[in-house]
Amino acid sequence: MNSDFDQSVLDYTDETRGLVPIPVAERGLPTAIATPYFKVSDTATPLEGPAFDREGNIIFVDIYNSRVLSLSTDRQLSTVYSEDHLHPAGIAVHKSGRIFIAAVGRPNSDGYFANGSVISINRDGSDRQTVVAPEHGYVIDDMVFDEHGGFYYTDFRGTACEALGGLYYVTPDHSTITAVLPSMCGANGVALSPDGKVLWSTEYFANRLHRIDLKAPGVIARSGSMVPYHFVGRAPDSMRTDSAGHVYVAMQRQGRILVFSPFGVPIGQILLPGRENDHFLQCTSLAIKPGSRDLYIVGWDLKGEGAMIFAAKGLAPGFEMFSHR
């Protein structure tokens, strides 16, 4: 076989095999590989929303079985709360220790989630209260508290061609909802910088990272809204920040976490083990333990390996936004 014929044959390389090769611009980033920490289920159970409670337990959700779960520090799994058709997607822990749950609601006749809500419960699952009612019509995917006790949440409505969702702010007394970034194509993740001055969000269907300078809670500073990064492939999901202001974005259907500088430049990545063989590509969210670089990622596998929490080390410790106590 001559060399001219060889050059005409397209073939894979080590970098392009599998369903989700690392994009060219991101292949040279510093890379860590997470390790299995706890197997949640033997089936492909969609997990989301990990956060730490005041005792250091990991609180997270089983979306389609409408359960809020807790993994204790000695790795004991329990159910904190369940409610038919709630479909929880995000968790945030209030200064009081109450657990706030962002829920996408029940599917409508077209199969899309509709009439989501934010509810809150005590740590033991008691005293359920509605904070944002289903009647508002949002599909609430994730949320984060600010230092004043108000919170931001994302509305996951829309498609790549229909900007129906957005990013919203709820005042500390829960009386007022303000649109911060309306007209988004499936707003998904949301996070705040440790000083509370920079708001981040991911736009799932448009593959965009948003960075917002705030002049007041829920108010964008002049020239403060920008898109510093466009993602390749599916799809930017939930996100967290660390105490140094780095931003961690879970890449759903890519089995990895992409890490950004405080100005939105990619500076690293964390891969889930087995992703090169198309395992655990469903990677939706993460949590960074306050005061520690310990980082935990939720993911599940569509090729028979079940659902898992993975562990890795981030660039800087996590932090608590509890100065509003």
C-alpha atoms as a PDB file:
ATOM      1  CA  MET A   1       0.000   0.000   0.000  1.00  0.00           C
ATOM      2  CA  ASN A   2       1.605   3.294  -1.046  1.00  0.00           C
ATOM      3  CA  SER A   3       1.839   6.404   1.098  1.00  0.00           C
ATOM      4  CA  ASP A   4      -0.519   8.386  -1.136  1.00  0.00           C
ATOM      5  CA  PHE A   5      -3.287   5.882  -0.446  1.00  0.00           C
ATOM      6  CA  ASP A   6      -2.564   5.977   3.307  1.00  0.00           C
ATOM      7  CA  GLN A   7      -2.976   9.736   3.376  1.00  0.00           C
ATOM      8  CA  SER A   8      -6.431   9.446   1.866  1.00  0.00           C
ATOM      9  CA  VAL A   9      -7.798   7.354   4.751  1.00  0.00           C
ATOM     10  CA  LEU A  10      -9.542   9.154   7.588  1.00  0.00           C
ATOM     11  CA  ASP A  11      -9.008   7.485  10.940  1.00  0.00           C
ATOM     12  CA  TYR A  12      -9.408   8.131  14.652  1.00  0.00           C
ATOM     13  CA  THR A  13      -6.590   9.319  16.880  1.00  0.00           C
ATOM     14  CA  ASP A  14      -6.238   8.699  20.605  1.00  0.00           C
ATOM     15  CA  GLU A  15      -7.735  12.155  21.164  1.00  0.00           C
ATOM     16  CA  THR A  16     -10.800  11.680  18.967  1.00  0.00           C
ATOM     17  CA  ARG A  17     -12.058   8.240  19.943  1.00  0.00           C
ATOM     18  CA  GLY A  18     -15.296   7.899  21.909  1.00  0.00           C
ATOM     19  CA  LEU A  19     -18.495   9.899  21.868  1.00  0.00           C
ATOM     20  CA  VAL A  20     -17.116  13.006  23.555  1.00  0.00           C
ATOM     21  CA  PRO A  21     -13.479  13.762  22.714  1.00  0.00           C
ATOM     22  CA  ILE A  22     -12.048  16.758  24.530  1.00  0.00           C
ATOM     23  CA  PRO A  23     -12.367  19.801  22.239  1.00  0.00           C
ATOM     24  CA  VAL A  24      -9.092  20.856  20.637  1.00  0.00           C
ATOM     25  CA  ALA A  25      -8.848  24.158  22.535  1.00  0.00           C
ATOM     26  CA  GLU A  26      -9.219  22.363  25.886  1.00  0.00           C
ATOM     27  CA  ARG A  27      -6.921  19.346  25.418  1.00  0.00           C
ATOM     28  CA  GLY A  28      -3.871  21.038  26.888  1.00  0.00           C
ATOM     29  CA  LEU A  29      -5.552  22.158  30.110  1.00  0.00           C
ATOM     30  CA  PRO A  30      -4.242  20.868  33.448  1.00  0.00           C
ATOM     31  CA  THR A  31      -6.302  17.751  34.108  1.00  0.00           C
ATOM     32  CA  ALA A  32      -7.295  15.706  37.150  1.00  0.00           C
ATOM     33  CA  ILE A  33      -9.218  12.438  37.180  1.00  0.00           C
ATOM     34  CA  ALA A  34     -11.880  11.961  39.843  1.00  0.00           C
ATOM     35  CA  THR A  35     -12.184   8.751  41.861  1.00  0.00           C
ATOM     36  CA  PRO A  36     -15.357   6.848  42.849  1.00  0.00           C
ATOM     37  CA  TYR A  37     -16.563   7.930  46.316  1.00  0.00           C
ATOM     38  CA  PHE A  38     -19.994   6.348  46.810  1.00  0.00           C
ATOM     39  CA  LYS A  39     -22.272   4.256  44.601  1.00  0.00           C
ATOM     40  CA  VAL A  40     -25.803   5.615  44.955  1.00  0.00           C
ATOM     41  CA  SER A  41     -27.606   3.145  42.700  1.00  0.00           C
ATOM     42  CA  ASP A  42     -26.991   0.182  40.417  1.00  0.00           C
ATOM     43  CA  THR A  43     -29.318   1.772  37.861  1.00  0.00           C
ATOM     44  CA  ALA A  44     -28.871   4.921  35.774  1.00  0.00           C
ATOM     45  CA  THR A  45     -30.528   7.223  38.301  1.00  0.00           C
ATOM     46  CA  PRO A  46     -30.273  10.920  37.328  1.00  0.00           C
ATOM     47  CA  LEU A  47     -28.686  12.811  40.228  1.00  0.00           C
ATOM     48  CA  GLU A  48     -28.390  16.577  40.691  1.00  0.00           C
ATOM     49  CA  GLY A  49     -27.888  19.454  43.084  1.00  0.00           C
ATOM     50  CA  PRO A  50     -25.244  18.446  45.677  1.00  0.00           C
ATOM     51  CA  ALA A  51     -24.691  20.875  48.544  1.00  0.00           C
ATOM     52  CA  PHE A  52     -23.305  20.601  52.061  1.00  0.00           C
ATOM     53  CA  ASP A  53     -25.509  21.036  55.118  1.00  0.00           C
ATOM     54  CA  ARG A  54     -24.245  22.587  58.326  1.00  0.00           C
ATOM     55  CA  GLU A  55     -23.021  19.194  59.613  1.00  0.00           C
ATOM     56  CA  GLY A  56     -20.951  18.424  56.510  1.00  0.00           C
ATOM     57  CA  ASN A  57     -23.356  15.905  54.975  1.00  0.00           C
ATOM     58  CA  ILE A  58     -23.875  15.955  51.194  1.00  0.00           C
ATOM     59  CA  ILE A  59     -27.475  16.749  50.309  1.00  0.00           C
ATOM     60  CA  PHE A  60     -28.466  15.928  46.725  1.00  0.00           C
ATOM     61  CA  VAL A  61     -31.490  14.942  44.666  1.00  0.00           C
ATOM     62  CA  ASP A  62     -32.854  12.034  42.663  1.00  0.00           C
ATOM     63  CA  ILE A  63     -34.757  13.980  40.020  1.00  0.00           C
ATOM     64  CA  TYR A  64     -37.194  11.513  38.521  1.00  0.00           C
ATOM     65  CA  ASN A  65     -37.973   9.676  41.763  1.00  0.00           C
ATOM     66  CA  SER A  66     -38.579  13.091  43.400  1.00  0.00           C
ATOM     67  CA  ARG A  67     -36.339  12.431  46.395  1.00  0.00           C
ATOM     68  CA  VAL A  68     -33.954  14.555  48.431  1.00  0.00           C
ATOM     69  CA  LEU A  69     -31.096  12.357  49.670  1.00  0.00           C
ATOM     70  CA  SER A  70     -28.365  12.756  52.267  1.00  0.00           C
ATOM     71  CA  LEU A  71     -24.950  11.109  52.368  1.00  0.00           C
ATOM     72  CA  SER A  72     -23.480  11.398  55.856  1.00  0.00           C
ATOM     73  CA  THR A  73     -19.821  11.986  56.617  1.00  0.00           C
ATOM     74  CA  ASP A  74     -19.486   8.233  57.332  1.00  0.00           C
ATOM     75  CA  ARG A  75     -21.118   7.444  53.943  1.00  0.00           C
ATOM     76  CA  GLN A  76     -24.565   6.407  55.128  1.00  0.00           C
ATOM     77  CA  LEU A  77     -27.295   7.157  52.577  1.00  0.00           C
ATOM     78  CA  SER A  78     -30.782   8.228  53.653  1.00  0.00           C
ATOM     79  CA  THR A  79     -33.865   9.894  52.214  1.00  0.00           C
ATOM     80  CA  VAL A  80     -34.581  13.330  53.681  1.00  0.00           C
ATOM     81  CA  TYR A  81     -37.749  14.131  51.744  1.00  0.00           C
ATOM     82  CA  SER A  82     -39.895  12.855  48.902  1.00  0.00           C
ATOM     83  CA  GLU A  83     -42.907  14.303  47.124  1.00  0.00           C
ATOM     84  CA  ASP A  84     -44.681  12.958  44.054  1.00  0.00           C
ATOM     85  CA  HIS A  85     -44.163  15.023  40.895  1.00  0.00           C
ATOM     86  CA  LEU A  86     -41.827  17.543  42.575  1.00  0.00           C
ATOM     87  CA  HIS A  87     -38.833  16.625  40.383  1.00  0.00           C
ATOM     88  CA  PRO A  88     -36.152  18.444  42.410  1.00  0.00           C
ATOM     89  CA  ALA A  89     -33.110  19.661  40.472  1.00  0.00           C
ATOM     90  CA  GLY A  90     -31.140  21.965  42.779  1.00  0.00           C
ATOM     91  CA  ILE A  91     -30.321  22.414  46.474  1.00  0.00           C
ATOM     92  CA  ALA A  92     -29.204  25.392  48.546  1.00  0.00           C
ATOM     93  CA  VAL A  93     -28.825  25.489  52.327  1.00  0.00           C
ATOM     94  CA  HIS A  94     -30.107  28.594  54.134  1.00  0.00           C
ATOM     95  CA  LYS A  95     -28.298  30.257  57.046  1.00  0.00           C
ATOM     96  CA  SER A  96     -30.877  28.679  59.365  1.00  0.00           C
ATOM     97  CA  GLY A  97     -29.989  25.200  58.156  1.00  0.00           C
ATOM     98  CA  ARG A  98     -33.233  24.816  56.229  1.00  0.00           C
ATOM     99  CA  ILE A  99     -32.899  23.092  52.884  1.00  0.00           C
ATOM    100  CA  PHE A 100     -34.224  25.008  49.885  1.00  0.00           C
ATOM    101  CA  ILE A 101     -35.155  22.863  46.895  1.00  0.00           C
ATOM    102  CA  ALA A 102     -35.373  24.094  43.299  1.00  0.00           C
ATOM    103  CA  ALA A 103     -37.850  21.916  41.419  1.00  0.00           C
ATOM    104  CA  VAL A 104     -38.664  21.731  37.718  1.00  0.00           C
ATOM    105  CA  GLY A 105     -42.250  20.525  38.266  1.00  0.00           C
ATOM    106  CA  ARG A 106     -44.167  17.818  36.454  1.00  0.00           C
ATOM    107  CA  PRO A 107     -44.028  17.185  32.685  1.00  0.00           C
ATOM    108  CA  ASN A 108     -46.830  18.655  30.598  1.00  0.00           C
ATOM    109  CA  SER A 109     -48.616  16.962  27.682  1.00  0.00           C
ATOM    110  CA  ASP A 110     -45.614  17.661  25.419  1.00  0.00           C
ATOM    111  CA  GLY A 111     -43.179  16.018  27.834  1.00  0.00           C
ATOM    112  CA  TYR A 112     -41.568  19.296  28.938  1.00  0.00           C
ATOM    113  CA  PHE A 113     -41.330  20.196  32.618  1.00  0.00           C
ATOM    114  CA  ALA A 114     -43.710  22.947  33.688  1.00  0.00           C
ATOM    115  CA  ASN A 115     -44.839  24.860  36.775  1.00  0.00           C
ATOM    116  CA  GLY A 116     -41.781  24.312  38.905  1.00  0.00           C
ATOM    117  CA  SER A 117     -41.273  25.746  42.363  1.00  0.00           C
ATOM    118  CA  VAL A 118     -38.920  26.491  45.209  1.00  0.00           C
ATOM    119  CA  ILE A 119     -39.831  24.877  48.511  1.00  0.00           C
ATOM    120  CA  SER A 120     -38.013  24.716  51.837  1.00  0.00           C
ATOM    121  CA  ILE A 121     -37.895  22.037  54.537  1.00  0.00           C
ATOM    122  CA  ASN A 122     -36.218  21.458  57.852  1.00  0.00           C
ATOM    123  CA  ARG A 123     -33.145  19.244  57.876  1.00  0.00           C
ATOM    124  CA  ASP A 124     -35.324  16.311  58.951  1.00  0.00           C
ATOM    125  CA  GLY A 125     -37.756  16.864  56.068  1.00  0.00           C
ATOM    126  CA  SER A 126     -40.491  18.458  58.163  1.00  0.00           C
ATOM    127  CA  ASP A 127     -42.287  21.811  57.847  1.00  0.00           C
ATOM    128  CA  ARG A 128     -42.558  22.040  54.043  1.00  0.00           C
ATOM    129  CA  GLN A 129     -43.087  25.620  52.877  1.00  0.00           C
ATOM    130  CA  THR A 130     -43.591  27.052  49.389  1.00  0.00           C
ATOM    131  CA  VAL A 131     -41.219  29.909  48.570  1.00  0.00           C
ATOM    132  CA  VAL A 132     -41.813  30.321  44.819  1.00  0.00           C
ATOM    133  CA  ALA A 133     -45.177  28.883  43.808  1.00  0.00           C
ATOM    134  CA  PRO A 134     -45.847  26.720  40.727  1.00  0.00           C
ATOM    135  CA  GLU A 135     -48.405  29.268  39.551  1.00  0.00           C
ATOM    136  CA  HIS A 136     -45.582  31.563  38.421  1.00  0.00           C
ATOM    137  CA  GLY A 137     -44.871  29.101  35.608  1.00  0.00           C
ATOM    138  CA  TYR A 138     -41.091  28.833  35.949  1.00  0.00           C
ATOM    139  CA  VAL A 139     -39.093  25.624  35.497  1.00  0.00           C
ATOM    140  CA  ILE A 140     -36.670  26.147  38.365  1.00  0.00           C
ATOM    141  CA  ASP A 141     -33.415  24.253  37.895  1.00  0.00           C
ATOM    142  CA  ASP A 142     -30.895  25.646  40.363  1.00  0.00           C
ATOM    143  CA  MET A 143     -30.430  28.374  42.979  1.00  0.00           C
ATOM    144  CA  VAL A 144     -27.841  30.123  45.140  1.00  0.00           C
ATOM    145  CA  PHE A 145     -28.133  32.393  48.212  1.00  0.00           C
ATOM    146  CA  ASP A 146     -26.406  35.747  48.487  1.00  0.00           C
ATOM    147  CA  GLU A 147     -25.009  37.264  51.684  1.00  0.00           C
ATOM    148  CA  HIS A 148     -28.242  39.165  52.332  1.00  0.00           C
ATOM    149  CA  GLY A 149     -30.434  36.057  52.412  1.00  0.00           C
ATOM    150  CA  GLY A 150     -31.983  36.589  48.982  1.00  0.00           C
ATOM    151  CA  PHE A 151     -31.381  34.054  46.246  1.00  0.00           C
ATOM    152  CA  TYR A 152     -30.954  33.716  42.500  1.00  0.00           C
ATOM    153  CA  TYR A 153     -32.596  30.928  40.519  1.00  0.00           C
ATOM    154  CA  THR A 154     -32.585  29.736  36.936  1.00  0.00           C
ATOM    155  CA  ASP A 155     -35.622  29.114  34.741  1.00  0.00           C
ATOM    156  CA  PHE A 156     -34.868  26.199  32.434  1.00  0.00           C
ATOM    157  CA  ARG A 157     -37.584  26.878  29.859  1.00  0.00           C
ATOM    158  CA  GLY A 158     -36.830  27.197  26.158  1.00  0.00           C
ATOM    159  CA  THR A 159     -34.903  25.533  23.362  1.00  0.00           C
ATOM    160  CA  ALA A 160     -31.894  26.533  21.251  1.00  0.00           C
ATOM    161  CA  CYS A 161     -34.277  28.684  19.170  1.00  0.00           C
ATOM    162  CA  GLU A 162     -36.706  29.813  21.886  1.00  0.00           C
ATOM    163  CA  ALA A 163     -35.328  32.025  24.645  1.00  0.00           C
ATOM    164  CA  LEU A 164     -38.106  31.431  27.172  1.00  0.00           C
ATOM    165  CA  GLY A 165     -36.043  31.002  30.322  1.00  0.00           C
ATOM    166  CA  GLY A 166     -33.955  33.335  32.419  1.00  0.00           C
ATOM    167  CA  LEU A 167     -32.125  34.191  35.621  1.00  0.00           C
ATOM    168  CA  TYR A 168     -34.099  35.707  38.515  1.00  0.00           C
ATOM    169  CA  TYR A 169     -33.565  37.207  41.969  1.00  0.00           C
ATOM    170  CA  VAL A 170     -35.804  36.730  45.000  1.00  0.00           C
ATOM    171  CA  THR A 171     -35.544  39.268  47.824  1.00  0.00           C
ATOM    172  CA  PRO A 172     -34.701  38.067  51.361  1.00  0.00           C
ATOM    173  CA  ASP A 173     -38.325  38.352  52.473  1.00  0.00           C
ATOM    174  CA  HIS A 174     -39.387  36.307  49.404  1.00  0.00           C
ATOM    175  CA  SER A 175     -41.889  38.999  48.423  1.00  0.00           C
ATOM    176  CA  THR A 176     -40.393  40.141  45.099  1.00  0.00           C
ATOM    177  CA  ILE A 177     -39.045  38.293  42.057  1.00  0.00           C
ATOM    178  CA  THR A 178     -36.890  40.332  39.666  1.00  0.00           C
ATOM    179  CA  ALA A 179     -35.623  39.286  36.240  1.00  0.00           C
ATOM    180  CA  VAL A 180     -31.834  39.665  36.058  1.00  0.00           C
ATOM    181  CA  LEU A 181     -31.172  38.025  32.676  1.00  0.00           C
ATOM    182  CA  PRO A 182     -34.429  37.325  30.827  1.00  0.00           C
ATOM    183  CA  SER A 183     -34.729  35.622  27.434  1.00  0.00           C
ATOM    184  CA  MET A 184     -32.265  32.779  27.956  1.00  0.00           C
ATOM    185  CA  CYS A 185     -32.278  29.431  26.150  1.00  0.00           C
ATOM    186  CA  GLY A 186     -32.604  27.124  29.119  1.00  0.00           C
ATOM    187  CA  ALA A 187     -30.848  28.899  32.009  1.00  0.00           C
ATOM    188  CA  ASN A 188     -29.347  26.111  34.097  1.00  0.00           C
ATOM    189  CA  GLY A 189     -26.466  26.649  36.530  1.00  0.00           C
ATOM    190  CA  VAL A 190     -26.037  29.671  38.803  1.00  0.00           C
ATOM    191  CA  ALA A 191     -23.234  30.667  41.193  1.00  0.00           C
ATOM    192  CA  LEU A 192     -21.866  33.709  43.025  1.00  0.00           C
ATOM    193  CA  SER A 193     -18.296  34.818  43.609  1.00  0.00           C
ATOM    194  CA  PRO A 194     -17.201  34.651  47.267  1.00  0.00           C
ATOM    195  CA  ASP A 195     -17.543  38.435  47.650  1.00  0.00           C
ATOM    196  CA  GLY A 196     -21.028  38.331  46.113  1.00  0.00           C
ATOM    197  CA  LYS A 197     -20.154  40.862  43.408  1.00  0.00           C
ATOM    198  CA  VAL A 198     -20.056  38.521  40.392  1.00  0.00           C
ATOM    199  CA  LEU A 199     -22.967  36.344  39.299  1.00  0.00           C
ATOM    200  CA  TRP A 200     -22.483  33.414  36.926  1.00  0.00           C
ATOM    201  CA  SER A 201     -24.934  31.355  34.909  1.00  0.00           C
ATOM    202  CA  THR A 202     -24.889  28.705  32.196  1.00  0.00           C
ATOM    203  CA  GLU A 203     -27.225  28.682  29.222  1.00  0.00           C
ATOM    204  CA  TYR A 204     -27.754  25.011  28.482  1.00  0.00           C
ATOM    205  CA  PHE A 205     -29.296  25.073  25.004  1.00  0.00           C
ATOM    206  CA  ALA A 206     -27.158  27.952  23.696  1.00  0.00           C
ATOM    207  CA  ASN A 207     -23.863  26.620  25.184  1.00  0.00           C
ATOM    208  CA  ARG A 208     -22.918  29.916  26.813  1.00  0.00           C
ATOM    209  CA  LEU A 209     -21.252  31.006  30.048  1.00  0.00           C
ATOM    210  CA  HIS A 210     -22.554  34.309  31.456  1.00  0.00           C
ATOM    211  CA  ARG A 211     -20.570  36.567  33.797  1.00  0.00           C
ATOM    212  CA  ILE A 212     -22.436  39.434  35.484  1.00  0.00           C
ATOM    213  CA  ASP A 213     -21.001  42.238  37.590  1.00  0.00           C
ATOM    214  CA  LEU A 214     -23.571  43.305  40.190  1.00  0.00           C
ATOM    215  CA  LYS A 215     -23.998  46.817  41.583  1.00  0.00           C
ATOM    216  CA  ALA A 216     -26.716  45.677  43.986  1.00  0.00           C
ATOM    217  CA  PRO A 217     -28.607  42.428  44.613  1.00  0.00           C
ATOM    218  CA  GLY A 218     -30.343  41.491  41.385  1.00  0.00           C
ATOM    219  CA  VAL A 219     -29.066  44.614  39.580  1.00  0.00           C
ATOM    220  CA  ILE A 220     -26.476  44.433  36.782  1.00  0.00           C
ATOM    221  CA  ALA A 221     -23.710  47.044  36.849  1.00  0.00           C
ATOM    222  CA  ARG A 222     -23.218  49.288  33.830  1.00  0.00           C
ATOM    223  CA  SER A 223     -21.519  47.225  31.083  1.00  0.00           C
ATOM    224  CA  GLY A 224     -21.540  44.349  33.567  1.00  0.00           C
ATOM    225  CA  SER A 225     -23.107  41.589  31.488  1.00  0.00           C
ATOM    226  CA  MET A 226     -20.965  39.505  29.150  1.00  0.00           C
ATOM    227  CA  VAL A 227     -20.489  36.033  27.667  1.00  0.00           C
ATOM    228  CA  PRO A 228     -16.807  35.165  28.214  1.00  0.00           C
ATOM    229  CA  TYR A 229     -17.036  31.610  26.875  1.00  0.00           C
ATOM    230  CA  HIS A 230     -18.915  29.456  24.375  1.00  0.00           C
ATOM    231  CA  PHE A 231     -18.871  25.723  25.045  1.00  0.00           C
ATOM    232  CA  VAL A 232     -18.327  22.941  22.511  1.00  0.00           C
ATOM    233  CA  GLY A 233     -20.608  19.904  22.650  1.00  0.00           C
ATOM    234  CA  ARG A 234     -23.329  19.086  25.146  1.00  0.00           C
ATOM    235  CA  ALA A 235     -23.817  20.914  27.517  1.00  0.00           C
ATOM    236  CA  PRO A 236     -23.089  23.304  30.391  1.00  0.00           C
ATOM    237  CA  ASP A 237     -25.132  22.260  33.417  1.00  0.00           C
ATOM    238  CA  SER A 238     -24.849  23.239  37.083  1.00  0.00           C
ATOM    239  CA  MET A 239     -21.916  25.199  38.455  1.00  0.00           C
ATOM    240  CA  ARG A 240     -20.100  26.176  41.664  1.00  0.00           C
ATOM    241  CA  THR A 241     -17.428  28.672  42.705  1.00  0.00           C
ATOM    242  CA  ASP A 242     -14.588  28.282  45.206  1.00  0.00           C
ATOM    243  CA  SER A 243     -13.106  30.720  47.725  1.00  0.00           C
ATOM    244  CA  ALA A 244     -10.644  32.046  45.119  1.00  0.00           C
ATOM    245  CA  GLY A 245     -13.430  32.835  42.646  1.00  0.00           C
ATOM    246  CA  HIS A 246     -12.752  29.980  40.233  1.00  0.00           C
ATOM    247  CA  VAL A 247     -15.819  28.661  38.429  1.00  0.00           C
ATOM    248  CA  TYR A 248     -16.539  24.936  38.005  1.00  0.00           C
ATOM    249  CA  VAL A 249     -19.049  23.920  35.317  1.00  0.00           C
ATOM    250  CA  ALA A 250     -20.412  20.387  35.032  1.00  0.00           C
ATOM    251  CA  MET A 251     -20.451  19.326  31.381  1.00  0.00           C
ATOM    252  CA  GLN A 252     -23.516  17.133  31.067  1.00  0.00           C
ATOM    253  CA  ARG A 253     -23.046  14.296  28.537  1.00  0.00           C
ATOM    254  CA  GLN A 254     -19.278  14.897  28.566  1.00  0.00           C
ATOM    255  CA  GLY A 255     -18.310  13.306  31.878  1.00  0.00           C
ATOM    256  CA  ARG A 256     -16.144  16.181  33.061  1.00  0.00           C
ATOM    257  CA  ILE A 257     -15.941  19.451  34.989  1.00  0.00           C
ATOM    258  CA  LEU A 258     -14.505  22.468  33.175  1.00  0.00           C
ATOM    259  CA  VAL A 259     -12.802  25.023  35.451  1.00  0.00           C
ATOM    260  CA  PHE A 260     -12.538  28.760  34.713  1.00  0.00           C
ATOM    261  CA  SER A 261     -10.616  31.711  36.103  1.00  0.00           C
ATOM    262  CA  PRO A 262     -12.596  34.486  37.851  1.00  0.00           C
ATOM    263  CA  PHE A 263     -12.808  36.201  34.454  1.00  0.00           C
ATOM    264  CA  GLY A 264     -14.121  33.207  32.541  1.00  0.00           C
ATOM    265  CA  VAL A 265     -10.961  31.785  30.957  1.00  0.00           C
ATOM    266  CA  PRO A 266     -10.686  27.953  31.038  1.00  0.00           C
ATOM    267  CA  ILE A 267      -7.779  26.892  33.277  1.00  0.00           C
ATOM    268  CA  GLY A 268      -8.375  23.215  34.075  1.00  0.00           C
ATOM    269  CA  GLN A 269     -10.670  20.220  33.958  1.00  0.00           C
ATOM    270  CA  ILE A 270     -11.648  17.209  36.050  1.00  0.00           C
ATOM    271  CA  LEU A 271     -12.547  14.016  34.174  1.00  0.00           C
ATOM    272  CA  LEU A 272     -14.782  11.232  35.416  1.00  0.00           C
ATOM    273  CA  PRO A 273     -13.104   7.822  35.168  1.00  0.00           C
ATOM    274  CA  GLY A 274     -14.296   5.722  32.240  1.00  0.00           C
ATOM    275  CA  ARG A 275     -15.446   8.635  30.101  1.00  0.00           C
ATOM    276  CA  GLU A 276     -12.941   7.633  27.402  1.00  0.00           C
ATOM    277  CA  ASN A 277     -15.047   4.478  27.014  1.00  0.00           C
ATOM    278  CA  ASP A 278     -18.310   6.441  27.140  1.00  0.00           C
ATOM    279  CA  HIS A 279     -19.058   5.654  30.800  1.00  0.00           C
ATOM    280  CA  PHE A 280     -20.476   8.213  33.235  1.00  0.00           C
ATOM    281  CA  LEU A 281     -20.959  10.889  30.600  1.00  0.00           C
ATOM    282  CA  GLN A 282     -24.035  12.116  32.472  1.00  0.00           C
ATOM    283  CA  CYS A 283     -22.316  14.612  34.766  1.00  0.00           C
ATOM    284  CA  THR A 284     -24.665  17.293  36.047  1.00  0.00           C
ATOM    285  CA  SER A 285     -23.415  19.004  39.191  1.00  0.00           C
ATOM    286  CA  LEU A 286     -20.831  19.235  41.951  1.00  0.00           C
ATOM    287  CA  ALA A 287     -20.186  20.633  45.419  1.00  0.00           C
ATOM    288  CA  ILE A 288     -16.989  21.902  47.056  1.00  0.00           C
ATOM    289  CA  LYS A 289     -16.752  21.370  50.798  1.00  0.00           C
ATOM    290  CA  PRO A 290     -16.445  24.673  52.711  1.00  0.00           C
ATOM    291  CA  GLY A 291     -12.950  25.115  54.111  1.00  0.00           C
ATOM    292  CA  SER A 292     -11.594  22.215  52.041  1.00  0.00           C
ATOM    293  CA  ARG A 293     -10.509  21.525  48.482  1.00  0.00           C
ATOM    294  CA  ASP A 294     -12.584  18.324  48.571  1.00  0.00           C
ATOM    295  CA  LEU A 295     -14.901  18.340  45.576  1.00  0.00           C
ATOM    296  CA  TYR A 296     -17.741  15.914  44.900  1.00  0.00           C
ATOM    297  CA  ILE A 297     -19.379  15.268  41.526  1.00  0.00           C
ATOM    298  CA  VAL A 298     -22.662  13.478  40.798  1.00  0.00           C
ATOM    299  CA  GLY A 299     -22.982  11.396  37.657  1.00  0.00           C
ATOM    300  CA  TRP A 300     -24.687   8.376  36.180  1.00  0.00           C
ATOM    301  CA  ASP A 301     -23.915   5.882  33.462  1.00  0.00           C
ATOM    302  CA  LEU A 302     -26.081   4.808  30.534  1.00  0.00           C
ATOM    303  CA  LYS A 303     -23.968   1.699  29.912  1.00  0.00           C
ATOM    304  CA  GLY A 304     -24.782  -0.259  33.051  1.00  0.00           C
ATOM    305  CA  GLU A 305     -22.546   1.186  35.792  1.00  0.00           C
ATOM    306  CA  GLY A 306     -25.303   2.876  37.798  1.00  0.00           C
ATOM    307  CA  ALA A 307     -25.167   6.236  39.583  1.00  0.00           C
ATOM    308  CA  MET A 308     -22.177   7.478  41.537  1.00  0.00           C
ATOM    309  CA  ILE A 309     -20.683  10.285  43.591  1.00  0.00           C
ATOM    310  CA  PHE A 310     -17.067  10.947  42.585  1.00  0.00           C
ATOM    311  CA  ALA A 311     -14.363  12.796  44.538  1.00  0.00           C
ATOM    312  CA  ALA A 312     -11.527  15.076  43.453  1.00  0.00           C
ATOM    313  CA  LYS A 313      -9.578  18.112  44.671  1.00  0.00           C
ATOM    314  CA  GLY A 314     -10.381  21.601  43.411  1.00  0.00           C
ATOM    315  CA  LEU A 315      -8.028  24.540  43.019  1.00  0.00           C
ATOM    316  CA  ALA A 316      -9.142  26.268  46.238  1.00  0.00           C
ATOM    317  CA  PRO A 317     -11.400  25.518  49.211  1.00  0.00           C
ATOM    318  CA  GLY A 318     -15.141  25.902  49.093  1.00  0.00           C
ATOM    319  CA  PHE A 319     -16.906  28.606  51.099  1.00  0.00           C
ATOM    320  CA  GLU A 320     -20.194  29.340  52.827  1.00  0.00           C
ATOM    321  CA  MET A 321     -22.296  32.390  51.950  1.00  0.00           C
ATOM    322  CA  PHE A 322     -23.487  32.734  55.543  1.00  0.00           C
ATOM    323  CA  SER A 323     -22.583  36.331  56.389  1.00  0.00           C
ATOM    324  CA  HIS A 324     -26.341  37.070  56.397  1.00  0.00           C
ATOM    325  CA  ARG A 325     -26.750  35.274  59.731  1.00  0.00           C
END
